Amino acid sequence: MEFVSIIAIALMLIGSFGIIFLKKPFDKVIMFSILDAGFVLVIVLFKYLDVAMFAALAGPLSTLVFILAIVKIKEIRQKKLDSGDAL
């Protein structure tokens, strides 16, 4: 069990630092997924399996919402650049 907890903590740390230090939005989404995997693993280690099931189902949905928001923001910025308005 101790080895699994080390893996869970490592996943959460890698995801957290990746979100903080990476510049591209889609790279941040990938790091968020890695952080989410570590978080679900920690929830399972604490034996909250009902919460882990909800987190496992909500994780991909929140990732999808992040991707849609990134695409929408990129479209809005491109429209503003095309029309000549400054950001």
N, C-alpha and C. Protein backbone atom coordinates (compact mmCIF):
# COMPACT_ATOMS: atom_id res chain seq x y z
N MET A 1 0.81 -1.21 0.00
CA MET A 1 0.00 0.00 0.00
C MET A 1 0.85 1.27 0.00
N GLU A 2 2.00 1.18 0.63
CA GLU A 2 2.85 2.37 0.71
C GLU A 2 3.36 2.79 -0.67
N PHE A 3 3.67 1.79 -1.51
CA PHE A 3 4.15 2.09 -2.85
C PHE A 3 3.08 2.78 -3.68
N VAL A 4 1.85 2.35 -3.52
CA VAL A 4 0.73 2.96 -4.26
C VAL A 4 0.50 4.40 -3.80
N SER A 5 0.64 4.65 -2.52
CA SER A 5 0.46 6.02 -2.03
C SER A 5 1.57 6.93 -2.55
N ILE A 6 2.78 6.40 -2.69
CA ILE A 6 3.88 7.20 -3.25
C ILE A 6 3.58 7.55 -4.70
N ILE A 7 3.04 6.58 -5.44
CA ILE A 7 2.67 6.83 -6.84
C ILE A 7 1.58 7.89 -6.92
N ALA A 8 0.59 7.80 -6.04
CA ALA A 8 -0.51 8.77 -6.04
C ALA A 8 0.00 10.17 -5.75
N ILE A 9 0.87 10.30 -4.77
CA ILE A 9 1.42 11.61 -4.43
C ILE A 9 2.28 12.14 -5.58
N ALA A 10 3.05 11.25 -6.21
CA ALA A 10 3.89 11.67 -7.33
C ALA A 10 3.03 12.16 -8.50
N LEU A 11 1.94 11.46 -8.79
CA LEU A 11 1.04 11.90 -9.86
C LEU A 11 0.45 13.27 -9.57
N MET A 12 0.04 13.48 -8.33
CA MET A 12 -0.55 14.77 -7.99
C MET A 12 0.50 15.89 -8.05
N LEU A 13 1.72 15.62 -7.62
CA LEU A 13 2.77 16.64 -7.69
C LEU A 13 3.16 16.95 -9.13
N ILE A 14 3.32 15.91 -9.95
CA ILE A 14 3.67 16.13 -11.36
C ILE A 14 2.57 16.95 -12.05
N GLY A 15 1.32 16.58 -11.81
CA GLY A 15 0.21 17.32 -12.41
C GLY A 15 0.15 18.76 -11.93
N SER A 16 0.37 18.97 -10.65
CA SER A 16 0.32 20.33 -10.10
C SER A 16 1.42 21.21 -10.68
N PHE A 17 2.65 20.70 -10.68
CA PHE A 17 3.75 21.50 -11.22
C PHE A 17 3.60 21.71 -12.72
N GLY A 18 3.06 20.71 -13.41
CA GLY A 18 2.82 20.88 -14.84
C GLY A 18 1.80 21.96 -15.14
N ILE A 19 0.74 22.01 -14.35
CA ILE A 19 -0.28 23.05 -14.53
C ILE A 19 0.33 24.43 -14.26
N ILE A 20 1.17 24.52 -13.26
CA ILE A 20 1.76 25.81 -12.90
C ILE A 20 2.77 26.29 -13.94
N PHE A 21 3.66 25.40 -14.39
CA PHE A 21 4.80 25.83 -15.18
C PHE A 21 4.64 25.73 -16.69
N LEU A 22 3.72 24.93 -17.18
CA LEU A 22 3.54 24.82 -18.63
C LEU A 22 2.74 26.00 -19.15
N LYS A 23 3.04 26.41 -20.37
CA LYS A 23 2.42 27.61 -20.93
C LYS A 23 1.23 27.31 -21.83
N LYS A 24 1.28 26.21 -22.59
CA LYS A 24 0.21 25.91 -23.54
C LYS A 24 -1.02 25.39 -22.82
N PRO A 25 -2.20 25.87 -23.20
CA PRO A 25 -3.43 25.45 -22.50
C PRO A 25 -3.72 23.95 -22.62
N PHE A 26 -3.46 23.36 -23.78
CA PHE A 26 -3.75 21.94 -23.94
C PHE A 26 -2.79 21.08 -23.12
N ASP A 27 -1.56 21.55 -22.91
CA ASP A 27 -0.64 20.85 -22.03
C ASP A 27 -1.14 20.89 -20.59
N LYS A 28 -1.75 22.00 -20.22
CA LYS A 28 -2.32 22.12 -18.88
C LYS A 28 -3.47 21.14 -18.68
N VAL A 29 -4.25 20.90 -19.73
CA VAL A 29 -5.35 19.93 -19.63
C VAL A 29 -4.80 18.53 -19.41
N ILE A 30 -3.72 18.19 -20.08
CA ILE A 30 -3.09 16.88 -19.88
C ILE A 30 -2.57 16.76 -18.45
N MET A 31 -1.95 17.80 -17.96
CA MET A 31 -1.45 17.78 -16.58
C MET A 31 -2.61 17.70 -15.57
N PHE A 32 -3.74 18.33 -15.90
CA PHE A 32 -4.91 18.23 -15.03
C PHE A 32 -5.40 16.80 -14.97
N SER A 33 -5.35 16.09 -16.09
CA SER A 33 -5.77 14.69 -16.10
C SER A 33 -4.84 13.83 -15.25
N ILE A 34 -3.54 14.12 -15.29
CA ILE A 34 -2.59 13.39 -14.46
C ILE A 34 -2.86 13.68 -12.99
N LEU A 35 -3.12 14.94 -12.66
CA LEU A 35 -3.45 15.31 -11.29
C LEU A 35 -4.73 14.62 -10.84
N ASP A 36 -5.71 14.54 -11.71
CA ASP A 36 -6.99 13.89 -11.40
C ASP A 36 -6.79 12.40 -11.14
N ALA A 37 -5.91 11.76 -11.90
CA ALA A 37 -5.65 10.33 -11.70
C ALA A 37 -5.04 10.09 -10.31
N GLY A 38 -4.11 10.93 -9.91
CA GLY A 38 -3.53 10.81 -8.58
C GLY A 38 -4.54 11.08 -7.48
N PHE A 39 -5.42 12.04 -7.72
CA PHE A 39 -6.45 12.38 -6.73
C PHE A 39 -7.43 11.23 -6.54
N VAL A 40 -7.86 10.60 -7.63
CA VAL A 40 -8.78 9.46 -7.54
C VAL A 40 -8.09 8.31 -6.81
N LEU A 41 -6.81 8.11 -7.08
CA LEU A 41 -6.07 7.05 -6.40
C LEU A 41 -5.99 7.30 -4.89
N VAL A 42 -5.80 8.54 -4.50
CA VAL A 42 -5.77 8.87 -3.07
C VAL A 42 -7.14 8.62 -2.44
N ILE A 43 -8.19 8.96 -3.14
CA ILE A 43 -9.54 8.72 -2.62
C ILE A 43 -9.77 7.23 -2.42
N VAL A 44 -9.31 6.41 -3.37
CA VAL A 44 -9.45 4.96 -3.25
C VAL A 44 -8.63 4.43 -2.08
N LEU A 45 -7.43 4.98 -1.87
CA LEU A 45 -6.60 4.53 -0.76
C LEU A 45 -7.25 4.81 0.59
N PHE A 46 -8.03 5.88 0.68
CA PHE A 46 -8.74 6.19 1.92
C PHE A 46 -10.07 5.45 2.02
N LYS A 47 -10.35 4.59 1.02
CA LYS A 47 -11.52 3.70 1.01
C LYS A 47 -12.85 4.44 0.91
N TYR A 48 -12.86 5.59 0.26
CA TYR A 48 -14.10 6.28 -0.06
C TYR A 48 -14.47 5.92 -1.49
N LEU A 49 -14.95 4.71 -1.68
CA LEU A 49 -15.15 4.20 -3.03
C LEU A 49 -16.31 4.87 -3.74
N ASP A 50 -17.34 5.30 -3.00
CA ASP A 50 -18.45 6.00 -3.64
C ASP A 50 -18.00 7.37 -4.16
N VAL A 51 -17.18 8.05 -3.38
CA VAL A 51 -16.65 9.34 -3.82
C VAL A 51 -15.68 9.14 -4.99
N ALA A 52 -14.90 8.06 -4.94
CA ALA A 52 -13.97 7.76 -6.03
C ALA A 52 -14.72 7.48 -7.33
N MET A 53 -15.86 6.80 -7.23
CA MET A 53 -16.66 6.53 -8.42
C MET A 53 -17.18 7.84 -9.02
N PHE A 54 -17.65 8.75 -8.17
CA PHE A 54 -18.13 10.03 -8.67
C PHE A 54 -16.98 10.84 -9.28
N ALA A 55 -15.82 10.84 -8.63
CA ALA A 55 -14.67 11.58 -9.16
C ALA A 55 -14.20 10.99 -10.48
N ALA A 56 -14.27 9.67 -10.61
CA ALA A 56 -13.86 9.03 -11.85
C ALA A 56 -14.84 9.35 -12.98
N LEU A 57 -16.10 9.53 -12.66
CA LEU A 57 -17.08 9.90 -13.68
C LEU A 57 -17.05 11.39 -14.00
N ALA A 58 -16.77 12.22 -13.00
CA ALA A 58 -16.77 13.67 -13.21
C ALA A 58 -15.47 14.16 -13.83
N GLY A 59 -14.38 13.43 -13.69
CA GLY A 59 -13.09 13.84 -14.23
C GLY A 59 -13.08 14.06 -15.73
N PRO A 60 -13.52 13.07 -16.51
CA PRO A 60 -13.55 13.29 -17.97
C PRO A 60 -14.51 14.40 -18.39
N LEU A 61 -15.60 14.57 -17.68
CA LEU A 61 -16.53 15.64 -18.01
C LEU A 61 -15.91 17.01 -17.77
N SER A 62 -15.20 17.15 -16.66
CA SER A 62 -14.57 18.45 -16.39
C SER A 62 -13.44 18.71 -17.38
N THR A 63 -12.73 17.66 -17.79
CA THR A 63 -11.70 17.83 -18.81
C THR A 63 -12.30 18.28 -20.13
N LEU A 64 -13.43 17.72 -20.49
CA LEU A 64 -14.12 18.12 -21.71
C LEU A 64 -14.56 19.58 -21.64
N VAL A 65 -15.05 20.01 -20.49
CA VAL A 65 -15.46 21.41 -20.33
C VAL A 65 -14.24 22.33 -20.45
N PHE A 66 -13.10 21.93 -19.87
CA PHE A 66 -11.88 22.73 -20.01
C PHE A 66 -11.46 22.86 -21.46
N ILE A 67 -11.51 21.76 -22.20
CA ILE A 67 -11.12 21.81 -23.61
C ILE A 67 -12.06 22.70 -24.40
N LEU A 68 -13.36 22.59 -24.16
CA LEU A 68 -14.32 23.46 -24.86
C LEU A 68 -14.08 24.93 -24.53
N ALA A 69 -13.77 25.23 -23.28
CA ALA A 69 -13.49 26.62 -22.89
C ALA A 69 -12.23 27.14 -23.56
N ILE A 70 -11.20 26.31 -23.65
CA ILE A 70 -9.96 26.73 -24.31
C ILE A 70 -10.20 27.02 -25.78
N VAL A 71 -10.95 26.16 -26.44
CA VAL A 71 -11.25 26.36 -27.86
C VAL A 71 -12.06 27.64 -28.06
N LYS A 72 -13.04 27.88 -27.20
CA LYS A 72 -13.87 29.07 -27.31
C LYS A 72 -13.05 30.35 -27.08
N ILE A 73 -12.18 30.34 -26.09
CA ILE A 73 -11.33 31.50 -25.83
C ILE A 73 -10.41 31.76 -27.01
N LYS A 74 -9.88 30.69 -27.59
CA LYS A 74 -9.00 30.85 -28.75
C LYS A 74 -9.77 31.45 -29.93
N GLU A 75 -11.02 31.03 -30.13
CA GLU A 75 -11.84 31.60 -31.21
C GLU A 75 -12.12 33.08 -30.97
N ILE A 76 -12.42 33.45 -29.76
CA ILE A 76 -12.71 34.85 -29.43
C ILE A 76 -11.47 35.71 -29.65
N ARG A 77 -10.31 35.22 -29.20
CA ARG A 77 -9.07 35.98 -29.40
C ARG A 77 -8.75 36.13 -30.88
N GLN A 78 -9.00 35.09 -31.66
CA GLN A 78 -8.72 35.16 -33.09
C GLN A 78 -9.66 36.16 -33.77
N LYS A 79 -10.92 36.20 -33.37
CA LYS A 79 -11.87 37.17 -33.93
C LYS A 79 -11.44 38.59 -33.60
N LYS A 80 -10.98 38.80 -32.37
CA LYS A 80 -10.53 40.14 -31.98
C LYS A 80 -9.29 40.56 -32.75
N LEU A 81 -8.39 39.62 -32.98
CA LEU A 81 -7.19 39.95 -33.77
C LEU A 81 -7.53 40.22 -35.22
N ASP A 82 -8.49 39.49 -35.77
CA ASP A 82 -8.90 39.70 -37.15
C ASP A 82 -9.61 41.03 -37.35
N SER A 83 -10.37 41.45 -36.34
CA SER A 83 -11.10 42.72 -36.47
C SER A 83 -10.23 43.93 -36.14
N GLY A 84 -9.04 43.70 -35.59
CA GLY A 84 -8.12 44.80 -35.32
C GLY A 84 -8.21 45.34 -33.91
N ASP A 85 -9.06 44.76 -33.08
CA ASP A 85 -9.15 45.21 -31.68
C ASP A 85 -7.97 44.67 -30.89
N ALA A 86 -7.53 45.45 -29.93
CA ALA A 86 -6.44 45.00 -29.06
C ALA A 86 -7.02 44.18 -27.93
N LEU A 87 -6.22 43.23 -27.43
CA LEU A 87 -6.67 42.43 -26.30
C LEU A 87 -6.52 43.23 -25.08
